[in-house]
Amino acid sequence: MKVMVLGATGLTGNLVLEQLLAKPEVTSVVVPVRRLLTLVDPKLQQQVINFDDLATHDQLFEVDVLVCCLGTTIRKAGSREAFRKVDHDYALTAARLARDSGARALLLMSAVGASASSGVFYNRVKGELEDGVRALKFPYLSIYQPSLLLGERQERRTAESLGMAVMPLVNRLLIGPFRKYRAIAASRVAAAMANEVAMLAEEASADPVVKVWEYPDLENLK
């Protein structure tokens, strides 16, 4: 099975990539990047591209499964418009190219509270992306909606660093309907995504499948 990982330089995407390379069900992993990763593996196919011209690399998207962990922050992107270009436009264009090239499954990293009608800009962008990929009618669509992801990032995110320091305590207070806002280790989410990809090599459904995973689901996934 041939898999593409979008966002492989990020926290979760990099962990997903490493685990997919270890899966016997996965024969190759295609990774579009702005800069080459130091990781070397016979299954790994890296391609440096300009994400503003994704459509010119349509042959790259001839994969069985797309795992999209692409994401940034408004601070890093520099503006709301630049953030939206990465988290919505790039991700949706990639999903469309993969679908048009015959991909049968998309695993999408979204966020808790994602909704196109949200008053929160971040959640609204994520919700609009979810609506966009749903419209592409992948035979298998799996949407992950974690809250804060815990783990060591290559770049420093001050707000997230503060969040990681207090969330182990805050998690205990988030119960009932608020449980979905609990922080979760990125490694756990990555393992769930990689295992779901491996499962797709063995299972096929005659009917379209759409799954949405929140914290209560993710903490039980392995």
N, C-alpha and C. Protein backbone atom coordinates (compact mmCIF):
# COMPACT_ATOMS: atom_id res chain seq x y z
N MET A 1 0.84 -1.19 0.00
CA MET A 1 0.00 0.00 0.00
C MET A 1 0.88 1.25 0.00
N LYS A 2 0.56 2.19 -0.85
CA LYS A 2 1.32 3.43 -0.98
C LYS A 2 0.59 4.54 -0.24
N VAL A 3 1.32 5.24 0.62
CA VAL A 3 0.71 6.25 1.49
C VAL A 3 1.45 7.57 1.33
N MET A 4 0.70 8.66 1.34
CA MET A 4 1.32 9.99 1.39
C MET A 4 1.08 10.58 2.77
N VAL A 5 2.13 11.20 3.33
CA VAL A 5 1.99 11.94 4.59
C VAL A 5 2.25 13.41 4.30
N LEU A 6 1.25 14.22 4.53
CA LEU A 6 1.36 15.66 4.35
C LEU A 6 1.53 16.28 5.73
N GLY A 7 2.57 17.09 5.89
CA GLY A 7 2.85 17.66 7.20
C GLY A 7 3.82 16.82 7.99
N ALA A 8 4.72 16.14 7.30
CA ALA A 8 5.64 15.19 7.95
C ALA A 8 6.73 15.87 8.76
N THR A 9 6.88 17.19 8.64
CA THR A 9 7.87 17.88 9.45
C THR A 9 7.30 18.34 10.79
N GLY A 10 5.98 18.20 10.96
CA GLY A 10 5.34 18.60 12.21
C GLY A 10 5.39 17.51 13.26
N LEU A 11 4.91 17.84 14.45
CA LEU A 11 4.97 16.92 15.58
C LEU A 11 4.30 15.58 15.28
N THR A 12 3.01 15.61 14.99
CA THR A 12 2.28 14.37 14.77
C THR A 12 2.64 13.73 13.44
N GLY A 13 2.76 14.55 12.39
CA GLY A 13 3.08 14.01 11.07
C GLY A 13 4.39 13.25 11.05
N ASN A 14 5.39 13.75 11.76
CA ASN A 14 6.68 13.07 11.80
C ASN A 14 6.57 11.73 12.53
N LEU A 15 5.78 11.70 13.59
CA LEU A 15 5.58 10.45 14.32
C LEU A 15 4.80 9.43 13.48
N VAL A 16 3.80 9.92 12.75
CA VAL A 16 3.05 9.04 11.85
C VAL A 16 3.97 8.45 10.80
N LEU A 17 4.80 9.30 10.21
CA LEU A 17 5.75 8.85 9.18
C LEU A 17 6.63 7.72 9.70
N GLU A 18 7.23 7.91 10.86
CA GLU A 18 8.13 6.90 11.42
C GLU A 18 7.41 5.57 11.63
N GLN A 19 6.16 5.65 12.10
CA GLN A 19 5.42 4.40 12.37
C GLN A 19 4.97 3.73 11.09
N LEU A 20 4.61 4.52 10.09
CA LEU A 20 4.19 3.93 8.81
C LEU A 20 5.34 3.19 8.14
N LEU A 21 6.54 3.74 8.25
CA LEU A 21 7.70 3.11 7.65
C LEU A 21 7.99 1.74 8.26
N ALA A 22 7.51 1.55 9.49
CA ALA A 22 7.73 0.27 10.18
C ALA A 22 6.60 -0.74 9.92
N LYS A 23 5.55 -0.30 9.23
CA LYS A 23 4.42 -1.18 8.98
C LYS A 23 4.67 -2.06 7.74
N PRO A 24 4.58 -3.38 7.87
CA PRO A 24 4.80 -4.24 6.70
C PRO A 24 3.73 -4.05 5.62
N GLU A 25 2.56 -3.57 6.03
CA GLU A 25 1.48 -3.36 5.06
C GLU A 25 1.76 -2.17 4.13
N VAL A 26 2.65 -1.29 4.56
CA VAL A 26 2.97 -0.08 3.79
C VAL A 26 4.24 -0.33 2.97
N THR A 27 4.11 -0.25 1.66
CA THR A 27 5.24 -0.51 0.78
C THR A 27 6.07 0.73 0.51
N SER A 28 5.43 1.91 0.50
CA SER A 28 6.16 3.15 0.29
C SER A 28 5.39 4.32 0.90
N VAL A 29 6.14 5.34 1.32
CA VAL A 29 5.54 6.54 1.91
C VAL A 29 6.07 7.75 1.14
N VAL A 30 5.16 8.48 0.53
CA VAL A 30 5.50 9.68 -0.24
C VAL A 30 5.36 10.89 0.68
N VAL A 31 6.37 11.74 0.69
CA VAL A 31 6.37 12.90 1.58
C VAL A 31 6.74 14.16 0.80
N PRO A 32 5.74 15.00 0.48
CA PRO A 32 6.06 16.31 -0.11
C PRO A 32 6.56 17.23 1.00
N VAL A 33 7.67 17.91 0.76
CA VAL A 33 8.27 18.77 1.78
C VAL A 33 8.84 20.04 1.15
N ARG A 34 9.02 21.05 1.99
CA ARG A 34 9.72 22.25 1.55
C ARG A 34 11.22 22.06 1.66
N ARG A 35 11.62 21.23 2.63
CA ARG A 35 13.04 20.92 2.81
C ARG A 35 13.15 19.44 3.16
N LEU A 36 14.22 18.81 2.72
CA LEU A 36 14.38 17.38 2.92
C LEU A 36 14.53 17.03 4.40
N LEU A 37 13.91 15.93 4.79
CA LEU A 37 14.08 15.40 6.13
C LEU A 37 15.42 14.67 6.22
N THR A 38 15.96 14.57 7.43
CA THR A 38 17.21 13.83 7.61
C THR A 38 16.97 12.33 7.66
N LEU A 39 15.71 11.95 7.82
CA LEU A 39 15.36 10.53 7.89
C LEU A 39 15.65 9.84 6.57
N VAL A 40 16.24 8.66 6.67
CA VAL A 40 16.55 7.86 5.48
C VAL A 40 15.93 6.47 5.66
N ASP A 41 15.19 6.03 4.67
CA ASP A 41 14.56 4.71 4.73
C ASP A 41 14.26 4.28 3.29
N PRO A 42 14.44 3.00 2.98
CA PRO A 42 14.19 2.54 1.60
C PRO A 42 12.73 2.73 1.16
N LYS A 43 11.81 2.82 2.11
CA LYS A 43 10.39 3.03 1.75
C LYS A 43 10.06 4.51 1.53
N LEU A 44 10.93 5.39 1.98
CA LEU A 44 10.63 6.82 1.98
C LEU A 44 10.93 7.47 0.64
N GLN A 45 9.94 8.19 0.11
CA GLN A 45 10.11 8.94 -1.13
C GLN A 45 9.83 10.41 -0.84
N GLN A 46 10.89 11.18 -0.71
CA GLN A 46 10.74 12.60 -0.43
C GLN A 46 10.75 13.40 -1.73
N GLN A 47 9.97 14.47 -1.75
CA GLN A 47 9.95 15.34 -2.92
C GLN A 47 9.82 16.78 -2.45
N VAL A 48 10.84 17.59 -2.75
CA VAL A 48 10.77 19.02 -2.42
C VAL A 48 9.87 19.71 -3.44
N ILE A 49 8.84 20.41 -2.94
CA ILE A 49 7.88 21.06 -3.83
C ILE A 49 7.54 22.46 -3.33
N ASN A 50 6.92 23.23 -4.20
CA ASN A 50 6.34 24.52 -3.84
C ASN A 50 4.86 24.26 -3.57
N PHE A 51 4.44 24.42 -2.33
CA PHE A 51 3.07 24.11 -1.97
C PHE A 51 2.06 25.04 -2.63
N ASP A 52 2.53 26.16 -3.15
CA ASP A 52 1.62 27.05 -3.88
C ASP A 52 1.30 26.49 -5.26
N ASP A 53 2.06 25.49 -5.69
CA ASP A 53 1.86 24.88 -7.01
C ASP A 53 1.62 23.38 -6.89
N LEU A 54 0.82 22.99 -5.94
CA LEU A 54 0.57 21.56 -5.71
C LEU A 54 0.06 20.85 -6.96
N ALA A 55 -0.78 21.53 -7.71
CA ALA A 55 -1.40 20.89 -8.88
C ALA A 55 -0.39 20.49 -9.94
N THR A 56 0.79 21.12 -9.93
CA THR A 56 1.80 20.75 -10.92
C THR A 56 2.54 19.47 -10.53
N HIS A 57 2.24 18.96 -9.34
CA HIS A 57 2.86 17.73 -8.86
C HIS A 57 1.80 16.63 -8.71
N ASP A 58 0.80 16.63 -9.60
CA ASP A 58 -0.34 15.72 -9.45
C ASP A 58 0.07 14.25 -9.45
N GLN A 59 1.17 13.90 -10.12
CA GLN A 59 1.59 12.49 -10.15
C GLN A 59 2.02 11.99 -8.78
N LEU A 60 2.49 12.90 -7.93
CA LEU A 60 2.88 12.51 -6.57
C LEU A 60 1.70 11.95 -5.79
N PHE A 61 0.51 12.40 -6.14
CA PHE A 61 -0.68 12.07 -5.37
C PHE A 61 -1.35 10.77 -5.81
N GLU A 62 -0.65 10.00 -6.62
CA GLU A 62 -1.16 8.69 -7.02
C GLU A 62 -0.83 7.68 -5.92
N VAL A 63 -1.60 7.77 -4.85
CA VAL A 63 -1.39 6.94 -3.65
C VAL A 63 -2.70 6.26 -3.27
N ASP A 64 -2.60 5.29 -2.39
CA ASP A 64 -3.79 4.61 -1.89
C ASP A 64 -4.44 5.38 -0.74
N VAL A 65 -3.60 5.97 0.10
CA VAL A 65 -4.09 6.66 1.29
C VAL A 65 -3.33 7.97 1.47
N LEU A 66 -4.07 9.03 1.82
CA LEU A 66 -3.46 10.30 2.19
C LEU A 66 -3.67 10.53 3.67
N VAL A 67 -2.57 10.78 4.37
CA VAL A 67 -2.64 11.17 5.79
C VAL A 67 -2.24 12.63 5.85
N CYS A 68 -3.18 13.48 6.24
CA CYS A 68 -2.93 14.92 6.25
C CYS A 68 -2.81 15.43 7.68
N CYS A 69 -1.58 15.80 8.06
CA CYS A 69 -1.32 16.39 9.37
C CYS A 69 -0.79 17.81 9.21
N LEU A 70 -1.11 18.41 8.09
CA LEU A 70 -0.60 19.73 7.78
C LEU A 70 -1.23 20.77 8.69
N GLY A 71 -0.41 21.66 9.23
CA GLY A 71 -0.95 22.71 10.09
C GLY A 71 0.12 23.66 10.56
N THR A 72 -0.28 24.88 10.87
CA THR A 72 0.63 25.89 11.37
C THR A 72 -0.09 26.69 12.44
N THR A 73 0.44 27.85 12.79
CA THR A 73 -0.22 28.77 13.71
C THR A 73 -0.28 30.13 13.04
N ILE A 74 -1.20 30.97 13.50
CA ILE A 74 -1.30 32.31 12.92
C ILE A 74 0.00 33.07 13.15
N ARG A 75 0.59 32.89 14.33
CA ARG A 75 1.85 33.58 14.64
C ARG A 75 2.96 33.16 13.68
N LYS A 76 3.08 31.86 13.45
CA LYS A 76 4.14 31.39 12.55
C LYS A 76 3.85 31.76 11.10
N ALA A 77 2.58 31.66 10.70
CA ALA A 77 2.21 31.98 9.32
C ALA A 77 2.34 33.47 9.04
N GLY A 78 2.08 34.29 10.06
CA GLY A 78 2.23 35.73 9.89
C GLY A 78 0.94 36.50 9.76
N SER A 79 -0.14 35.81 9.41
CA SER A 79 -1.44 36.48 9.27
C SER A 79 -2.53 35.42 9.20
N ARG A 80 -3.77 35.85 9.36
CA ARG A 80 -4.89 34.93 9.24
C ARG A 80 -4.96 34.36 7.82
N GLU A 81 -4.70 35.23 6.86
CA GLU A 81 -4.78 34.78 5.46
C GLU A 81 -3.73 33.70 5.16
N ALA A 82 -2.53 33.92 5.67
CA ALA A 82 -1.46 32.93 5.45
C ALA A 82 -1.76 31.64 6.19
N PHE A 83 -2.32 31.74 7.39
CA PHE A 83 -2.71 30.55 8.14
C PHE A 83 -3.75 29.75 7.37
N ARG A 84 -4.75 30.43 6.86
CA ARG A 84 -5.81 29.75 6.12
C ARG A 84 -5.26 29.07 4.87
N LYS A 85 -4.28 29.69 4.23
CA LYS A 85 -3.70 29.10 3.02
C LYS A 85 -3.08 27.74 3.32
N VAL A 86 -2.40 27.65 4.48
CA VAL A 86 -1.76 26.39 4.85
C VAL A 86 -2.77 25.37 5.35
N ASP A 87 -3.54 25.77 6.37
CA ASP A 87 -4.41 24.81 7.05
C ASP A 87 -5.66 24.44 6.26
N HIS A 88 -6.08 25.30 5.36
CA HIS A 88 -7.26 24.99 4.55
C HIS A 88 -6.91 24.74 3.09
N ASP A 89 -6.33 25.74 2.45
CA ASP A 89 -6.15 25.66 0.99
C ASP A 89 -5.19 24.54 0.57
N TYR A 90 -4.02 24.49 1.20
CA TYR A 90 -3.06 23.44 0.85
C TYR A 90 -3.65 22.06 1.13
N ALA A 91 -4.25 21.92 2.31
CA ALA A 91 -4.79 20.61 2.71
C ALA A 91 -5.92 20.17 1.78
N LEU A 92 -6.82 21.08 1.45
CA LEU A 92 -7.95 20.72 0.59
C LEU A 92 -7.49 20.42 -0.84
N THR A 93 -6.55 21.20 -1.33
CA THR A 93 -6.02 20.94 -2.67
C THR A 93 -5.36 19.58 -2.74
N ALA A 94 -4.58 19.24 -1.71
CA ALA A 94 -3.93 17.93 -1.66
C ALA A 94 -4.95 16.81 -1.62
N ALA A 95 -5.98 16.99 -0.82
CA ALA A 95 -7.03 15.97 -0.73
C ALA A 95 -7.73 15.79 -2.08
N ARG A 96 -7.98 16.89 -2.76
CA ARG A 96 -8.64 16.81 -4.07
C ARG A 96 -7.75 16.11 -5.09
N LEU A 97 -6.45 16.43 -5.08
CA LEU A 97 -5.52 15.79 -6.02
C LEU A 97 -5.42 14.29 -5.75
N ALA A 98 -5.38 13.92 -4.48
CA ALA A 98 -5.31 12.50 -4.13
C ALA A 98 -6.58 11.77 -4.55
N ARG A 99 -7.72 12.40 -4.29
CA ARG A 99 -9.00 11.77 -4.66
C ARG A 99 -9.11 11.61 -6.18
N ASP A 100 -8.72 12.65 -6.92
CA ASP A 100 -8.78 12.59 -8.39
C ASP A 100 -7.82 11.54 -8.94
N SER A 101 -6.76 11.25 -8.18
CA SER A 101 -5.76 10.27 -8.63
C SER A 101 -6.08 8.85 -8.18
N GLY A 102 -7.23 8.69 -7.50
CA GLY A 102 -7.68 7.36 -7.14
C GLY A 102 -7.48 6.94 -5.70
N ALA A 103 -7.03 7.84 -4.83
CA ALA A 103 -6.87 7.49 -3.42
C ALA A 103 -8.23 7.08 -2.84
N ARG A 104 -8.22 6.01 -2.07
CA ARG A 104 -9.48 5.52 -1.50
C ARG A 104 -9.71 5.94 -0.06
N ALA A 105 -8.69 6.52 0.56
CA ALA A 105 -8.86 6.88 1.97
C ALA A 105 -8.10 8.16 2.31
N LEU A 106 -8.70 8.94 3.21
CA LEU A 106 -8.07 10.14 3.75
C LEU A 106 -8.19 10.12 5.26
N LEU A 107 -7.06 10.26 5.93
CA LEU A 107 -7.03 10.45 7.38
C LEU A 107 -6.62 11.90 7.60
N LEU A 108 -7.49 12.68 8.22
CA LEU A 108 -7.29 14.11 8.36
C LEU A 108 -7.12 14.52 9.82
N MET A 109 -6.06 15.25 10.12
CA MET A 109 -5.88 15.84 11.43
C MET A 109 -6.62 17.16 11.46
N SER A 110 -7.66 17.24 12.27
CA SER A 110 -8.43 18.46 12.41
C SER A 110 -8.25 18.95 13.85
N ALA A 111 -9.30 19.40 14.49
CA ALA A 111 -9.19 19.90 15.86
C ALA A 111 -10.54 19.85 16.55
N VAL A 112 -10.52 19.69 17.85
CA VAL A 112 -11.74 19.69 18.63
C VAL A 112 -12.44 21.04 18.44
N GLY A 113 -13.75 21.00 18.29
CA GLY A 113 -14.51 22.23 18.10
C GLY A 113 -14.57 22.73 16.68
N ALA A 114 -14.00 21.97 15.74
CA ALA A 114 -14.02 22.39 14.34
C ALA A 114 -15.44 22.53 13.85
N SER A 115 -15.75 23.68 13.28
CA SER A 115 -17.08 23.93 12.74
C SER A 115 -17.04 25.15 11.84
N ALA A 116 -17.62 25.02 10.66
CA ALA A 116 -17.64 26.13 9.72
C ALA A 116 -18.45 27.31 10.24
N SER A 117 -19.27 27.08 11.26
CA SER A 117 -20.08 28.16 11.83
C SER A 117 -19.49 28.70 13.14
N SER A 118 -18.31 28.24 13.51
CA SER A 118 -17.70 28.66 14.76
C SER A 118 -17.32 30.14 14.73
N GLY A 119 -17.44 30.79 15.88
CA GLY A 119 -17.01 32.18 16.00
C GLY A 119 -15.52 32.30 16.21
N VAL A 120 -14.86 31.17 16.44
CA VAL A 120 -13.41 31.15 16.62
C VAL A 120 -12.76 30.89 15.26
N PHE A 121 -11.90 31.79 14.83
CA PHE A 121 -11.32 31.70 13.48
C PHE A 121 -10.65 30.35 13.23
N TYR A 122 -9.81 29.91 14.17
CA TYR A 122 -9.10 28.64 14.00
C TYR A 122 -10.08 27.50 13.79
N ASN A 123 -11.08 27.40 14.65
CA ASN A 123 -12.06 26.32 14.55
C ASN A 123 -12.89 26.43 13.27
N ARG A 124 -13.15 27.68 12.84
CA ARG A 124 -13.94 27.87 11.62
C ARG A 124 -13.17 27.37 10.40
N VAL A 125 -11.87 27.68 10.34
CA VAL A 125 -11.05 27.21 9.22
C VAL A 125 -11.00 25.68 9.19
N LYS A 126 -10.80 25.08 10.36
CA LYS A 126 -10.77 23.62 10.43
C LYS A 126 -12.12 23.03 10.01
N GLY A 127 -13.20 23.66 10.43
CA GLY A 127 -14.53 23.17 10.06
C GLY A 127 -14.79 23.28 8.57
N GLU A 128 -14.34 24.37 7.97
CA GLU A 128 -14.51 24.53 6.53
C GLU A 128 -13.69 23.48 5.77
N LEU A 129 -12.52 23.15 6.30
CA LEU A 129 -11.72 22.09 5.68
C LEU A 129 -12.44 20.75 5.78
N GLU A 130 -12.99 20.45 6.95
CA GLU A 130 -13.74 19.19 7.10
C GLU A 130 -14.89 19.11 6.11
N ASP A 131 -15.63 20.22 5.96
CA ASP A 131 -16.74 20.23 5.01
C ASP A 131 -16.22 20.00 3.59
N GLY A 132 -15.08 20.60 3.28
CA GLY A 132 -14.50 20.47 1.94
C GLY A 132 -14.09 19.04 1.62
N VAL A 133 -13.45 18.36 2.57
CA VAL A 133 -13.01 16.99 2.29
C VAL A 133 -14.19 16.02 2.29
N ARG A 134 -15.20 16.30 3.09
CA ARG A 134 -16.41 15.46 3.04
C ARG A 134 -17.04 15.50 1.66
N ALA A 135 -17.02 16.67 1.04
CA ALA A 135 -17.63 16.83 -0.28
C ALA A 135 -16.88 16.06 -1.36
N LEU A 136 -15.63 15.67 -1.10
CA LEU A 136 -14.85 14.92 -2.08
C LEU A 136 -15.26 13.45 -2.16
N LYS A 137 -16.03 13.00 -1.18
CA LYS A 137 -16.60 11.64 -1.20
C LYS A 137 -15.53 10.55 -1.27
N PHE A 138 -14.54 10.64 -0.40
CA PHE A 138 -13.61 9.53 -0.28
C PHE A 138 -14.38 8.28 0.17
N PRO A 139 -14.03 7.11 -0.36
CA PRO A 139 -14.68 5.88 0.14
C PRO A 139 -14.47 5.69 1.64
N TYR A 140 -13.33 6.20 2.15
CA TYR A 140 -13.05 6.08 3.57
C TYR A 140 -12.45 7.40 4.04
N LEU A 141 -13.14 8.04 4.98
CA LEU A 141 -12.68 9.32 5.53
C LEU A 141 -12.65 9.22 7.05
N SER A 142 -11.50 9.52 7.62
CA SER A 142 -11.34 9.47 9.07
C SER A 142 -10.81 10.82 9.55
N ILE A 143 -11.58 11.48 10.41
CA ILE A 143 -11.24 12.82 10.89
C ILE A 143 -10.88 12.76 12.37
N TYR A 144 -9.69 13.23 12.67
CA TYR A 144 -9.21 13.24 14.05
C TYR A 144 -9.38 14.65 14.62
N GLN A 145 -10.03 14.74 15.79
CA GLN A 145 -10.31 16.02 16.42
C GLN A 145 -9.74 16.09 17.84
N PRO A 146 -8.42 16.08 17.96
CA PRO A 146 -7.83 16.19 19.30
C PRO A 146 -7.85 17.64 19.79
N SER A 147 -7.63 17.82 21.06
CA SER A 147 -7.40 19.14 21.63
C SER A 147 -5.90 19.39 21.58
N LEU A 148 -5.31 19.88 22.64
CA LEU A 148 -3.87 20.15 22.66
C LEU A 148 -3.09 18.85 22.53
N LEU A 149 -2.11 18.85 21.63
CA LEU A 149 -1.26 17.68 21.42
C LEU A 149 0.02 17.84 22.24
N LEU A 150 0.33 16.85 23.04
CA LEU A 150 1.49 16.89 23.91
C LEU A 150 2.68 16.21 23.25
N GLY A 151 3.83 16.87 23.30
CA GLY A 151 5.03 16.30 22.71
C GLY A 151 6.05 17.38 22.44
N GLU A 152 7.26 16.97 22.11
CA GLU A 152 8.34 17.91 21.85
C GLU A 152 8.32 18.34 20.39
N ARG A 153 8.10 19.63 20.17
CA ARG A 153 8.10 20.18 18.82
C ARG A 153 9.49 20.72 18.46
N GLN A 154 9.76 20.75 17.15
CA GLN A 154 11.02 21.33 16.70
C GLN A 154 11.02 22.83 16.89
N GLU A 155 9.86 23.48 16.62
CA GLU A 155 9.79 24.92 16.82
C GLU A 155 9.10 25.20 18.15
N ARG A 156 9.40 26.35 18.72
CA ARG A 156 8.83 26.72 20.01
C ARG A 156 7.49 27.40 19.82
N ARG A 157 6.46 26.91 20.48
CA ARG A 157 5.14 27.53 20.49
C ARG A 157 4.83 27.87 21.94
N THR A 158 4.96 29.15 22.29
CA THR A 158 4.87 29.58 23.69
C THR A 158 3.56 29.18 24.32
N ALA A 159 2.44 29.48 23.67
CA ALA A 159 1.14 29.17 24.24
C ALA A 159 0.98 27.68 24.47
N GLU A 160 1.43 26.87 23.51
CA GLU A 160 1.30 25.43 23.65
C GLU A 160 2.23 24.90 24.73
N SER A 161 3.40 25.52 24.88
CA SER A 161 4.32 25.10 25.94
C SER A 161 3.71 25.32 27.31
N LEU A 162 3.04 26.46 27.47
CA LEU A 162 2.36 26.74 28.73
C LEU A 162 1.22 25.75 28.95
N GLY A 163 0.51 25.47 27.87
CA GLY A 163 -0.60 24.53 27.96
C GLY A 163 -0.14 23.15 28.38
N MET A 164 0.98 22.70 27.81
CA MET A 164 1.50 21.37 28.15
C MET A 164 1.90 21.28 29.61
N ALA A 165 2.30 22.41 30.19
CA ALA A 165 2.74 22.41 31.58
C ALA A 165 1.56 22.22 32.54
N VAL A 166 0.41 22.76 32.16
CA VAL A 166 -0.74 22.72 33.09
C VAL A 166 -1.78 21.67 32.74
N MET A 167 -1.77 21.19 31.49
CA MET A 167 -2.85 20.31 31.06
C MET A 167 -2.94 18.99 31.82
N PRO A 168 -1.83 18.39 32.27
CA PRO A 168 -1.99 17.16 33.06
C PRO A 168 -2.88 17.36 34.28
N LEU A 169 -2.84 18.55 34.87
CA LEU A 169 -3.71 18.85 36.01
C LEU A 169 -5.12 19.21 35.54
N VAL A 170 -5.18 20.02 34.48
CA VAL A 170 -6.48 20.46 33.96
C VAL A 170 -7.29 19.28 33.45
N ASN A 171 -6.61 18.29 32.86
CA ASN A 171 -7.31 17.12 32.32
C ASN A 171 -8.23 16.48 33.34
N ARG A 172 -7.81 16.46 34.58
CA ARG A 172 -8.62 15.82 35.63
C ARG A 172 -9.93 16.56 35.88
N LEU A 173 -9.94 17.85 35.57
CA LEU A 173 -11.14 18.66 35.80
C LEU A 173 -12.10 18.61 34.61
N LEU A 174 -11.58 18.16 33.47
CA LEU A 174 -12.41 18.11 32.27
C LEU A 174 -13.15 16.78 32.22
N ILE A 175 -14.37 16.80 32.69
CA ILE A 175 -15.18 15.59 32.75
C ILE A 175 -16.50 15.79 32.03
N GLY A 176 -17.23 14.72 31.86
CA GLY A 176 -18.52 14.81 31.17
C GLY A 176 -18.36 15.36 29.77
N PRO A 177 -19.19 16.34 29.37
CA PRO A 177 -19.13 16.87 28.01
C PRO A 177 -17.83 17.63 27.71
N PHE A 178 -17.07 17.97 28.77
CA PHE A 178 -15.81 18.71 28.57
C PHE A 178 -14.61 17.78 28.39
N ARG A 179 -14.84 16.49 28.48
CA ARG A 179 -13.75 15.54 28.40
C ARG A 179 -13.04 15.59 27.04
N LYS A 180 -13.78 15.95 26.01
CA LYS A 180 -13.19 15.99 24.67
C LYS A 180 -12.11 17.05 24.53
N TYR A 181 -12.04 17.98 25.51
CA TYR A 181 -11.04 19.04 25.46
C TYR A 181 -9.74 18.66 26.16
N ARG A 182 -9.65 17.43 26.65
CA ARG A 182 -8.43 17.01 27.32
C ARG A 182 -7.26 16.93 26.34
N ALA A 183 -6.08 17.30 26.81
CA ALA A 183 -4.87 17.17 26.01
C ALA A 183 -4.51 15.70 25.87
N ILE A 184 -3.82 15.38 24.79
CA ILE A 184 -3.46 13.99 24.53
C ILE A 184 -2.07 13.94 23.89
N ALA A 185 -1.33 12.90 24.18
CA ALA A 185 0.01 12.75 23.61
C ALA A 185 -0.07 12.59 22.09
N ALA A 186 0.73 13.37 21.38
CA ALA A 186 0.77 13.25 19.92
C ALA A 186 1.16 11.85 19.50
N SER A 187 1.99 11.19 20.30
CA SER A 187 2.42 9.83 19.97
C SER A 187 1.25 8.86 19.95
N ARG A 188 0.27 9.09 20.82
CA ARG A 188 -0.90 8.21 20.83
C ARG A 188 -1.76 8.42 19.59
N VAL A 189 -1.93 9.68 19.22
CA VAL A 189 -2.71 9.99 18.02
C VAL A 189 -2.01 9.43 16.79
N ALA A 190 -0.69 9.60 16.73
CA ALA A 190 0.08 9.10 15.58
C ALA A 190 -0.02 7.59 15.47
N ALA A 191 0.05 6.90 16.61
CA ALA A 191 -0.07 5.44 16.60
C ALA A 191 -1.43 5.02 16.08
N ALA A 192 -2.47 5.73 16.51
CA ALA A 192 -3.83 5.41 16.05
C ALA A 192 -3.95 5.60 14.54
N MET A 193 -3.37 6.66 14.02
CA MET A 193 -3.45 6.92 12.58
C MET A 193 -2.69 5.86 11.79
N ALA A 194 -1.49 5.53 12.25
CA ALA A 194 -0.68 4.53 11.55
C ALA A 194 -1.36 3.16 11.58
N ASN A 195 -1.95 2.82 12.71
CA ASN A 195 -2.64 1.54 12.82
C ASN A 195 -3.90 1.51 11.95
N GLU A 196 -4.55 2.66 11.82
CA GLU A 196 -5.73 2.72 10.97
C GLU A 196 -5.34 2.53 9.50
N VAL A 197 -4.23 3.11 9.11
CA VAL A 197 -3.73 2.90 7.74
C VAL A 197 -3.45 1.43 7.50
N ALA A 198 -2.78 0.78 8.44
CA ALA A 198 -2.48 -0.64 8.30
C ALA A 198 -3.75 -1.47 8.20
N MET A 199 -4.76 -1.09 8.96
CA MET A 199 -6.04 -1.79 8.92
C MET A 199 -6.68 -1.70 7.54
N LEU A 200 -6.49 -0.57 6.88
CA LEU A 200 -7.09 -0.37 5.56
C LEU A 200 -6.52 -1.33 4.52
N ALA A 201 -5.34 -1.85 4.77
CA ALA A 201 -4.73 -2.81 3.84
C ALA A 201 -5.46 -4.13 3.87
N GLU A 202 -6.18 -4.40 4.96
CA GLU A 202 -6.82 -5.69 5.12
C GLU A 202 -8.34 -5.62 5.05
N GLU A 203 -8.90 -4.46 5.35
CA GLU A 203 -10.35 -4.32 5.39
C GLU A 203 -10.83 -3.36 4.32
N ALA A 204 -11.94 -3.69 3.72
CA ALA A 204 -12.57 -2.82 2.73
C ALA A 204 -14.08 -2.86 2.92
N SER A 205 -14.69 -1.70 2.81
CA SER A 205 -16.13 -1.61 2.99
C SER A 205 -16.79 -1.28 1.66
N ALA A 206 -17.90 -1.91 1.41
CA ALA A 206 -18.64 -1.63 0.17
C ALA A 206 -19.33 -0.29 0.25
N ASP A 207 -19.58 0.19 1.47
CA ASP A 207 -20.27 1.46 1.66
C ASP A 207 -19.28 2.53 2.12
N PRO A 208 -19.55 3.79 1.78
CA PRO A 208 -18.67 4.88 2.23
C PRO A 208 -18.59 4.92 3.76
N VAL A 209 -17.41 5.23 4.26
CA VAL A 209 -17.18 5.29 5.70
C VAL A 209 -16.68 6.67 6.08
N VAL A 210 -17.30 7.27 7.09
CA VAL A 210 -16.84 8.53 7.66
C VAL A 210 -16.76 8.36 9.17
N LYS A 211 -15.57 8.56 9.71
CA LYS A 211 -15.37 8.43 11.15
C LYS A 211 -14.83 9.74 11.70
N VAL A 212 -15.27 10.08 12.92
CA VAL A 212 -14.77 11.26 13.62
C VAL A 212 -14.30 10.83 15.00
N TRP A 213 -13.04 11.13 15.31
CA TRP A 213 -12.45 10.70 16.58
C TRP A 213 -12.20 11.90 17.48
N GLU A 214 -12.77 11.90 18.68
CA GLU A 214 -12.48 12.90 19.70
C GLU A 214 -11.69 12.24 20.83
N TYR A 215 -11.34 13.01 21.86
CA TYR A 215 -10.51 12.49 22.93
C TYR A 215 -11.02 11.16 23.52
N PRO A 216 -12.30 11.06 23.89
CA PRO A 216 -12.76 9.80 24.48
C PRO A 216 -12.50 8.59 23.57
N ASP A 217 -12.57 8.80 22.25
CA ASP A 217 -12.27 7.72 21.31
C ASP A 217 -10.77 7.50 21.21
N LEU A 218 -10.03 8.59 21.11
CA LEU A 218 -8.59 8.50 20.87
C LEU A 218 -7.84 7.86 22.02
N GLU A 219 -8.30 8.08 23.26
CA GLU A 219 -7.55 7.50 24.38
C GLU A 219 -7.69 5.98 24.42
N ASN A 220 -8.67 5.46 23.72
CA ASN A 220 -8.86 4.01 23.69
C ASN A 220 -8.30 3.35 22.43
N LEU A 221 -7.88 4.18 21.47
CA LEU A 221 -7.33 3.63 20.24
C LEU A 221 -5.88 3.21 20.46
N LYS A 222 -5.47 2.16 19.75
CA LYS A 222 -4.10 1.68 19.86
C LYS A 222 -3.56 1.43 18.47
